[in-house]
Each structure stands twice: as structure tokens, then as C-alpha cells.
């Protein structure tokens, strides 16, 4: 067939109809995708802006000391209660021994104070009797001295004796009150001085216990900055401890997706560390805000910046999820690892399967991306 015959047979009206069909088809597909995207983002929110999180503790001793033992290695898994490192305990042992001896001495002092109180009471009785005798003797001499039957000097000596006996009585009473007051102050039916000695000893024993540092829970040791012989002070962080019992997924969702996300809703998670693996999860909470909305008092008027965007970008809010079916013995998580999350806000038989399909496609892409 010649070119002229081919052009003659070609129907221009049919060609126009075919182009319209494909244009309409593309437009319909775009509309369906937009509609699907809007519904999916609202009823089955999906995000790839997610990461792994758990508690991270900065481990520091509570007492000063020289390191005498390190029982773990860097990036090593440990169990709760396992020894991490220890400091030289001898200064704290000596301090505890001194305070134990002081407590025993204080208890002995209490017994001595009981004896002192009884002795002081007897001294008071004797001083009162001596004062009474001296006063009576002075009273007998005074009329005789007025009639010059006795010398004036003897009367003066009798008066001095009265004053001395009175001073001795006052001193005896003061000693009695001092010994008595030492035993009067009590805390929980225990002498205050005993309580003070016991508290000092308890603090010393507590400091002695702190010379050995233990793992607070199951986890991992990382960023270990210790060598035997180094001297560290209380509060100086010497290693980082990663808690292995509180792993969470923090997923940042757009604010137009957060509205239907509630605690307890089911979700699925993919982790870039394990491509192709789908983990079950449950929503725990949604954060109440982000830093962008926090006002800091400064005394100045707020500065409003012009973003210059034609389309206002939506804010993202963190949603915290807990993985429910992970085998920590098989799958080890790492803080900051990338993840993707789909949350199922309801029983939607159309959108939920599509979200699961999209999540699985993304999980497969993790093999190469």
C-alpha cells in the first residue's frame, strides 16, 4: 500500500476522538489519585518521617573516686543489676568505720549522761544542805556581831560562805539542766544525738554503696569513657546507657492527619534496618505542640516573618507508637533508625488495604534506598 492510500484511509475524526479519550483518562486518574491521597492522608495517615527512640541515660557516679574496675565493654549489652564499674571504696570504708565507732561512743555517752543526771541531782541536794547550813550559821552570828560578841571579820567570813554555797548550788542546778536537756530532745522516741550519729553513719554507708555502679535496666553501654586508674568526680558522665525496655517509634505526621489519630489505634511500621519486614504497633500518644508555637517572654514585640510561600506548608506533630510484636532477640533496634508508619484510624475496607500495600512497597524499596 502506498503512502497516499494510507493517508486516505486514516479517519481524522477517529484520531481526534482517541486523543480526547486519553486526555480525559489522564485527568480522571489525576483526580482519583488526588481524592485517594486526601482520603488516605486523613483516614489512614502515612509518613516516612519517623525514627526509633528509647531512653538514653548519662551514667555518672554519685561519689568521687579513683576507678579500680571496669566490668563492661563499649557497645556491649548488659542486664539489669550488672556491674558497670567501681571506684576505690577504702576512703568510704574508713569513714563508715569512724562513724560506727562514734555511734557506739554516743550510746555510751547517753549512759554516762543518765549517770550524770543522777549525780547532779545528788550534788544539788548536797549544795542545798550546805547553803541552808551556811545561811543558818550566818543568821546566828549576825545578832552576836551587832552586840560585839563576835568579831566582824567572822561575820564577813560567814557571809562569804553563804554566797559560795549559793553559787555552788546554782552551778549544780545548771549542770543538772544541761545533762537533762541533752536527753530531752528526741526524734521518733530516739535521742537526737543518737539520730544524728545514725544518720551520719547511714550516709557514709550509702556513699560506700555508690562506689559500685550497676546497670539500671537491660540495655546497652555506649560511649564508654573510662580507664582504670582515672579519677572521676560525682556527677561526671562516664558512659551512655541505652535502655532496651522502652523502644518507641516517633512519627511526624502533618497536622491535617493528626486529628483522627487517637491512643490505642492499630498501626504498622517498617524499619529501614530490616527491609521487607512489617511490624505491628499501637499509638500511645500525640505531642501537644512543637517549638514553633512557643512564645518566649523577652520584653519585645513578637517578630512575624514573611515566609513568602504561595502554599502554606502544614506543621508536623510527633506521634509516639509502641511496637507490639518485635522479637528483641532477633531484631536489634538502634536509636535514630529510619522508619515508616501507617496508622489505621478505623475499619476502612478500601483505604486500609491500600495503606498496607503502600507501606509494603516502601519496605521493599528499603532494600536499595
Foldseek 3Di string as FASTA:
>chain_A
DDPVVVVVPDDPVVVVVVVVVVVVVVVVVVVVVVVLVLCCCAFKNKDQQKFKDFDKDQDFFQFWAFWAFADDDAFDWDFFFAWGTFGDLVVLVVQLVVLVVVLVVVVVVLVVLVVQLVVLVVQLVVLVVQLVVLVVVLVVVVVCVVVPVDPPVVSVVSVVSNVVSVVSNVVSVVSNVVSVVQQPDDDPPHRPVSVVSVVSSVVSVVSSVSRIDTHNGTWTKHQAQDDGGDIDGRPDRRIMTGHPPGMKMKGWGFPSHCPLADFFFKKWKAFLVQFQDIFIKTWHDWDPDDPVPDDDDDPDDDDDDDPPDPDDDTGITITMMDTDDDDCVVDPGDGGTTMMMITRSDPDPPSVVVVVVVRSVVSNVSVPD
